[in-house]
PDB file of N, CA and C in Angstrom:
ATOM      1  N   MET A   1      26.938 103.297 165.691  1.00  0.00           N
ATOM      2  CA  MET A   1      27.938 104.278 165.718  1.00  0.00           C
ATOM      3  C   MET A   1      28.622 104.285 167.057  1.00  0.00           C
ATOM      4  N   SER A   2      27.984 103.798 168.188  1.00  0.00           N
ATOM      5  CA  SER A   2      28.621 103.833 169.425  1.00  0.00           C
ATOM      6  C   SER A   2      29.551 102.723 169.498  1.00  0.00           C
ATOM      7  N   MET A   3      29.312 101.617 168.760  1.00  0.00           N
ATOM      8  CA  MET A   3      30.256 100.609 168.746  1.00  0.00           C
ATOM      9  C   MET A   3      31.683 101.013 168.110  1.00  0.00           C
ATOM     10  N   LEU A   4      31.473 101.919 166.939  1.00  0.00           N
ATOM     11  CA  LEU A   4      32.468 102.263 166.200  1.00  0.00           C
ATOM     12  C   LEU A   4      33.491 103.078 167.134  1.00  0.00           C
ATOM     13  N   PHE A   5      33.028 103.871 167.942  1.00  0.00           N
ATOM     14  CA  PHE A   5      33.920 104.521 168.910  1.00  0.00           C
ATOM     15  C   PHE A   5      34.162 103.858 170.139  1.00  0.00           C
ATOM     16  N   PHE A   6      33.394 103.008 170.585  1.00  0.00           N
ATOM     17  CA  PHE A   6      33.620 102.418 171.945  1.00  0.00           C
ATOM     18  C   PHE A   6      34.881 101.406 171.887  1.00  0.00           C
ATOM     19  N   ILE A   7      35.013 100.763 170.820  1.00  0.00           N
ATOM     20  CA  ILE A   7      36.043  99.720 170.749  1.00  0.00           C
ATOM     21  C   ILE A   7      37.436 100.329 170.805  1.00  0.00           C
ATOM     22  N   PRO A   8      37.720 101.439 169.767  1.00  0.00           N
ATOM     23  CA  PRO A   8      39.085 102.178 169.861  1.00  0.00           C
ATOM     24  C   PRO A   8      39.339 102.919 171.154  1.00  0.00           C
ATOM     25  N   LEU A   9      38.169 103.516 171.799  1.00  0.00           N
ATOM     26  CA  LEU A   9      38.451 104.364 173.046  1.00  0.00           C
ATOM     27  C   LEU A   9      38.777 103.334 174.056  1.00  0.00           C
ATOM     28  N   THR A  10      38.218 102.109 174.079  1.00  0.00           N
ATOM     29  CA  THR A  10      38.516 101.195 175.090  1.00  0.00           C
ATOM     30  C   THR A  10      39.904 100.685 175.015  1.00  0.00           C
ATOM     31  N   VAL A  11      40.514 100.436 173.798  1.00  0.00           N
ATOM     32  CA  VAL A  11      41.890 100.108 173.510  1.00  0.00           C
ATOM     33  C   VAL A  11      42.750 101.151 174.102  1.00  0.00           C
ATOM     34  N   ILE A  12      42.410 102.356 173.708  1.00  0.00           N
ATOM     35  CA  ILE A  12      43.266 103.558 174.145  1.00  0.00           C
ATOM     36  C   ILE A  12      43.253 103.707 175.678  1.00  0.00           C
ATOM     37  N   ALA A  13      42.208 103.535 176.396  1.00  0.00           N
ATOM     38  CA  ALA A  13      42.174 103.496 177.734  1.00  0.00           C
ATOM     39  C   ALA A  13      42.906 102.494 178.406  1.00  0.00           C
ATOM     40  N   LEU A  14      42.864 101.426 177.957  1.00  0.00           N
ATOM     41  CA  LEU A  14      43.571 100.094 178.452  1.00  0.00           C
ATOM     42  C   LEU A  14      45.041 100.416 178.370  1.00  0.00           C
ATOM     43  N   PHE A  15      45.355 101.002 177.223  1.00  0.00           N
ATOM     44  CA  PHE A  15      46.875 101.167 176.858  1.00  0.00           C
ATOM     45  C   PHE A  15      47.434 102.255 177.774  1.00  0.00           C
ATOM     46  N   GLU A  16      46.575 103.306 177.943  1.00  0.00           N
ATOM     47  CA  GLU A  16      47.121 104.436 178.753  1.00  0.00           C
ATOM     48  C   GLU A  16      47.074 103.965 180.360  1.00  0.00           C
ATOM     49  N   SER A  17      46.249 103.151 180.580  1.00  0.00           N
ATOM     50  CA  SER A  17      46.277 102.718 182.018  1.00  0.00           C
ATOM     51  C   SER A  17      47.360 101.882 182.392  1.00  0.00           C
ATOM     52  N   GLN A  18      47.849 101.118 181.439  1.00  0.00           N
ATOM     53  CA  GLN A  18      49.091 100.237 181.557  1.00  0.00           C
ATOM     54  C   GLN A  18      50.326 101.135 181.675  1.00  0.00           C
ATOM     55  N   ILE A  19      50.456 102.161 180.861  1.00  0.00           N
ATOM     56  CA  ILE A  19      51.520 103.070 181.091  1.00  0.00           C
ATOM     57  C   ILE A  19      51.583 103.838 182.235  1.00  0.00           C
ATOM     58  N   ALA A  20      50.495 104.143 182.905  1.00  0.00           N
ATOM     59  CA  ALA A  20      50.552 104.852 184.276  1.00  0.00           C
ATOM     60  C   ALA A  20      50.821 103.999 185.325  1.00  0.00           C
ATOM     61  N   HIS A  21      50.838 102.541 185.115  1.00  0.00           N
ATOM     62  CA  HIS A  21      51.023 101.641 186.273  1.00  0.00           C
ATOM     63  C   HIS A  21      52.551 101.699 186.471  1.00  0.00           C
ATOM     64  N   PRO A  22      52.868 101.469 187.806  1.00  0.00           N
ATOM     65  CA  PRO A  22      54.377 101.569 188.137  1.00  0.00           C
ATOM     66  C   PRO A  22      55.276 100.723 187.595  1.00  0.00           C
ATOM     67  N   ARG A  23      54.659  99.544 187.090  1.00  0.00           N
ATOM     68  CA  ARG A  23      55.566  98.458 186.596  1.00  0.00           C
ATOM     69  C   ARG A  23      55.946  98.679 185.150  1.00  0.00           C
ATOM     70  N   SER A  24      55.297  99.619 184.549  1.00  0.00           N
ATOM     71  CA  SER A  24      55.562  99.972 183.104  1.00  0.00           C
ATOM     72  C   SER A  24      56.575 101.036 182.869  1.00  0.00           C
ATOM     73  N   ARG A  25      57.562 101.069 183.709  1.00  0.00           N
ATOM     74  CA  ARG A  25      58.504 102.264 183.667  1.00  0.00           C
ATOM     75  C   ARG A  25      59.297 102.098 182.356  1.00  0.00           C
ATOM     76  N   ARG A  26      59.618 100.935 181.957  1.00  0.00           N
ATOM     77  CA  ARG A  26      60.377 100.679 180.788  1.00  0.00           C
ATOM     78  C   ARG A  26      59.543 101.368 179.515  1.00  0.00           C
ATOM     79  N   ILE A  27      58.206 101.149 179.396  1.00  0.00           N
ATOM     80  CA  ILE A  27      57.542 101.632 178.415  1.00  0.00           C
ATOM     81  C   ILE A  27      57.431 103.177 178.500  1.00  0.00           C
ATOM     82  N   LYS A  28      57.206 103.714 179.635  1.00  0.00           N
ATOM     83  CA  LYS A  28      57.264 105.177 179.782  1.00  0.00           C
ATOM     84  C   LYS A  28      58.533 105.792 179.457  1.00  0.00           C
ATOM     85  N   LEU A  29      59.676 105.188 179.930  1.00  0.00           N
ATOM     86  CA  LEU A  29      60.961 105.761 179.482  1.00  0.00           C
ATOM     87  C   LEU A  29      61.154 105.708 177.955  1.00  0.00           C
ATOM     88  N   TYR A  30      60.724 104.611 177.368  1.00  0.00           N
ATOM     89  CA  TYR A  30      60.884 104.549 175.956  1.00  0.00           C
ATOM     90  C   TYR A  30      60.028 105.620 175.212  1.00  0.00           C
ATOM     91  N   LEU A  31      58.769 105.859 175.616  1.00  0.00           N
ATOM     92  CA  LEU A  31      57.919 106.803 174.940  1.00  0.00           C
ATOM     93  C   LEU A  31      58.260 108.256 175.334  1.00  0.00           C
ATOM     94  N   ASP A  32      58.856 108.495 176.392  1.00  0.00           N
ATOM     95  CA  ASP A  32      59.307 109.857 176.745  1.00  0.00           C
ATOM     96  C   ASP A  32      60.617 110.384 176.048  1.00  0.00           C
ATOM     97  N   GLY A  33      61.510 109.271 175.846  1.00  0.00           N
ATOM     98  CA  GLY A  33      62.736 109.598 175.052  1.00  0.00           C
ATOM     99  C   GLY A  33      63.836 110.046 176.020  1.00  0.00           C
ATOM    100  N   PRO A  34      65.043 110.333 175.599  1.00  0.00           N
ATOM    101  CA  PRO A  34      66.139 110.751 176.374  1.00  0.00           C
ATOM    102  C   PRO A  34      65.882 112.267 176.880  1.00  0.00           C
ATOM    103  N   GLU A  35      66.293 112.477 178.115  1.00  0.00           N
ATOM    104  CA  GLU A  35      66.394 113.986 178.515  1.00  0.00           C
ATOM    105  C   GLU A  35      67.414 114.750 177.931  1.00  0.00           C
ATOM    106  N   ILE A  36      67.048 115.962 177.412  1.00  0.00           N
ATOM    107  CA  ILE A  36      67.933 116.845 176.753  1.00  0.00           C
ATOM    108  C   ILE A  36      68.435 117.752 177.619  1.00  0.00           C
ATOM    109  N   ASP A  37      69.709 117.884 178.121  1.00  0.00           N
ATOM    110  CA  ASP A  37      70.367 118.719 179.132  1.00  0.00           C
ATOM    111  C   ASP A  37      71.058 119.990 178.357  1.00  0.00           C
ATOM    112  N   THR A  38      70.350 121.000 178.165  1.00  0.00           N
ATOM    113  CA  THR A  38      70.986 122.225 177.631  1.00  0.00           C
ATOM    114  C   THR A  38      71.132 123.423 178.406  1.00  0.00           C
ATOM    115  N   ASP A  39      71.025 123.122 179.763  1.00  0.00           N
ATOM    116  CA  ASP A  39      70.986 124.139 180.737  1.00  0.00           C
ATOM    117  C   ASP A  39      72.339 124.927 180.708  1.00  0.00           C
ATOM    118  N   ASP A  40      73.476 124.227 180.681  1.00  0.00           N
ATOM    119  CA  ASP A  40      74.823 124.850 180.733  1.00  0.00           C
ATOM    120  C   ASP A  40      75.525 124.959 179.353  1.00  0.00           C
ATOM    121  N   ASP A  41      74.774 124.778 178.275  1.00  0.00           N
ATOM    122  CA  ASP A  41      75.540 124.777 176.974  1.00  0.00           C
ATOM    123  C   ASP A  41      75.686 126.129 176.471  1.00  0.00           C
ATOM    124  N   PRO A  42      76.917 126.411 176.316  1.00  0.00           N
ATOM    125  CA  PRO A  42      77.313 127.887 175.940  1.00  0.00           C
ATOM    126  C   PRO A  42      76.670 128.275 174.612  1.00  0.00           C
ATOM    127  N   LYS A  43      76.417 127.359 173.660  1.00  0.00           N
ATOM    128  CA  LYS A  43      75.831 127.747 172.404  1.00  0.00           C
ATOM    129  C   LYS A  43      74.349 128.183 172.630  1.00  0.00           C
ATOM    130  N   GLU A  44      73.813 127.536 173.644  1.00  0.00           N
ATOM    131  CA  GLU A  44      72.332 128.131 173.962  1.00  0.00           C
ATOM    132  C   GLU A  44      72.208 129.566 174.659  1.00  0.00           C
ATOM    133  N   GLU A  45      73.328 129.656 175.434  1.00  0.00           N
ATOM    134  CA  GLU A  45      73.272 130.828 176.192  1.00  0.00           C
ATOM    135  C   GLU A  45      73.776 132.192 175.498  1.00  0.00           C
ATOM    136  N   ASP A  46      74.781 131.835 174.594  1.00  0.00           N
ATOM    137  CA  ASP A  46      75.280 132.982 173.743  1.00  0.00           C
ATOM    138  C   ASP A  46      75.619 132.420 172.287  1.00  0.00           C
ATOM    139  N   PRO A  47      74.503 132.415 171.389  1.00  0.00           N
ATOM    140  CA  PRO A  47      74.720 131.909 170.026  1.00  0.00           C
ATOM    141  C   PRO A  47      75.563 132.630 169.269  1.00  0.00           C
ATOM    142  N   ASP A  48      76.418 132.095 168.233  1.00  0.00           N
ATOM    143  CA  ASP A  48      77.143 132.888 167.315  1.00  0.00           C
ATOM    144  C   ASP A  48      76.253 133.566 166.410  1.00  0.00           C
ATOM    145  N   CYS A  49      76.567 134.767 166.003  1.00  0.00           N
ATOM    146  CA  CYS A  49      75.839 135.591 165.061  1.00  0.00           C
ATOM    147  C   CYS A  49      76.673 135.804 163.949  1.00  0.00           C
ATOM    148  N   ASP A  50      77.221 134.913 163.188  1.00  0.00           N
ATOM    149  CA  ASP A  50      78.141 135.284 161.973  1.00  0.00           C
ATOM    150  C   ASP A  50      77.229 135.795 161.021  1.00  0.00           C
ATOM    151  N   GLY A  51      77.786 136.865 160.198  1.00  0.00           N
ATOM    152  CA  GLY A  51      77.026 137.579 159.068  1.00  0.00           C
ATOM    153  C   GLY A  51      76.035 138.623 159.559  1.00  0.00           C
ATOM    154  N   ASP A  52      75.949 138.882 160.851  1.00  0.00           N
ATOM    155  CA  ASP A  52      75.094 139.861 161.441  1.00  0.00           C
ATOM    156  C   ASP A  52      75.327 141.248 161.059  1.00  0.00           C
ATOM    157  N   ASP A  53      74.548 141.909 160.188  1.00  0.00           N
ATOM    158  CA  ASP A  53      74.975 143.288 159.806  1.00  0.00           C
ATOM    159  C   ASP A  53      74.243 144.305 160.670  1.00  0.00           C
ATOM    160  N   GLU A  54      74.812 144.523 161.818  1.00  0.00           N
ATOM    161  CA  GLU A  54      74.432 145.445 162.821  1.00  0.00           C
ATOM    162  C   GLU A  54      73.045 145.294 163.328  1.00  0.00           C
ATOM    163  N   GLY A  55      72.534 144.194 163.308  1.00  0.00           N
ATOM    164  CA  GLY A  55      71.301 143.976 163.737  1.00  0.00           C
ATOM    165  C   GLY A  55      70.112 143.996 162.729  1.00  0.00           C
ATOM    166  N   GLU A  56      70.559 144.036 161.496  1.00  0.00           N
ATOM    167  CA  GLU A  56      69.422 144.077 160.456  1.00  0.00           C
ATOM    168  C   GLU A  56      68.939 142.790 160.102  1.00  0.00           C
ATOM    169  N   ILE A  57      67.709 142.480 160.193  1.00  0.00           N
ATOM    170  CA  ILE A  57      67.184 141.108 159.912  1.00  0.00           C
ATOM    171  C   ILE A  57      66.493 141.200 158.484  1.00  0.00           C
ATOM    172  N   SER A  58      66.082 142.250 157.921  1.00  0.00           N
ATOM    173  CA  SER A  58      65.572 142.358 156.646  1.00  0.00           C
ATOM    174  C   SER A  58      66.358 143.241 155.680  1.00  0.00           C
ATOM    175  N   THR A  59      66.282 142.903 154.492  1.00  0.00           N
ATOM    176  CA  THR A  59      66.959 143.571 153.454  1.00  0.00           C
ATOM    177  C   THR A  59      66.087 144.609 152.904  1.00  0.00           C
ATOM    178  N   VAL A  60      64.660 144.605 153.224  1.00  0.00           N
ATOM    179  CA  VAL A  60      63.767 145.628 152.731  1.00  0.00           C
ATOM    180  C   VAL A  60      63.478 146.441 153.863  1.00  0.00           C
ATOM    181  N   LYS A  61      63.455 147.936 153.640  1.00  0.00           N
ATOM    182  CA  LYS A  61      63.392 148.871 154.726  1.00  0.00           C
ATOM    183  C   LYS A  61      61.979 148.799 155.172  1.00  0.00           C
ATOM    184  N   PHE A  62      61.731 149.202 156.320  1.00  0.00           N
ATOM    185  CA  PHE A  62      60.271 149.262 156.897  1.00  0.00           C
ATOM    186  C   PHE A  62      59.420 150.219 156.186  1.00  0.00           C
ATOM    187  N   ALA A  63      59.924 151.369 155.709  1.00  0.00           N
ATOM    188  CA  ALA A  63      58.971 152.312 155.032  1.00  0.00           C
ATOM    189  C   ALA A  63      58.570 151.613 153.703  1.00  0.00           C
ATOM    190  N   GLU A  64      59.295 150.681 153.013  1.00  0.00           N
ATOM    191  CA  GLU A  64      58.866 150.102 151.820  1.00  0.00           C
ATOM    192  C   GLU A  64      57.757 149.075 151.981  1.00  0.00           C
ATOM    193  N   LEU A  65      57.855 148.474 153.238  1.00  0.00           N
ATOM    194  CA  LEU A  65      57.006 147.397 153.597  1.00  0.00           C
ATOM    195  C   LEU A  65      55.567 148.012 153.901  1.00  0.00           C
ATOM    196  N   VAL A  66      55.668 149.252 154.497  1.00  0.00           N
ATOM    197  CA  VAL A  66      54.345 149.875 154.950  1.00  0.00           C
ATOM    198  C   VAL A  66      53.567 150.427 153.811  1.00  0.00           C
ATOM    199  N   LYS A  67      54.357 150.771 152.734  1.00  0.00           N
ATOM    200  CA  LYS A  67      53.566 151.301 151.537  1.00  0.00           C
ATOM    201  C   LYS A  67      52.546 150.248 151.031  1.00  0.00           C
ATOM    202  N   ALA A  68      52.845 148.926 151.177  1.00  0.00           N
ATOM    203  CA  ALA A  68      51.743 148.020 150.730  1.00  0.00           C
ATOM    204  C   ALA A  68      50.595 147.872 151.483  1.00  0.00           C
ATOM    205  N   PHE A  69      50.708 148.411 152.649  1.00  0.00           N
ATOM    206  CA  PHE A  69      49.466 148.213 153.591  1.00  0.00           C
ATOM    207  C   PHE A  69      48.280 149.215 153.316  1.00  0.00           C
ATOM    208  N   PRO A  70      47.102 148.856 153.364  1.00  0.00           N
ATOM    209  CA  PRO A  70      45.988 149.711 153.073  1.00  0.00           C
ATOM    210  C   PRO A  70      45.937 150.741 154.110  1.00  0.00           C
ATOM    211  N   LYS A  71      45.362 152.027 153.650  1.00  0.00           N
ATOM    212  CA  LYS A  71      45.307 153.105 154.729  1.00  0.00           C
ATOM    213  C   LYS A  71      44.040 153.126 155.470  1.00  0.00           C
TER     214      LYS A  71
END
């Protein structure tokens, strides 16, 4: 049983040690993916709320929902 886990864990340890190596910048950049810069995006700061009916998010009233709860 120890051999069953030893081999995959060794492969994972070797793989991760190569990623942490300074020369493997290309692999690290590939695995991290591109940076997403949404700091100054106006859609993120103030999203459009088309179809918003005065802040209602549910068509069922709260009193009707509470009726189903046990007392």
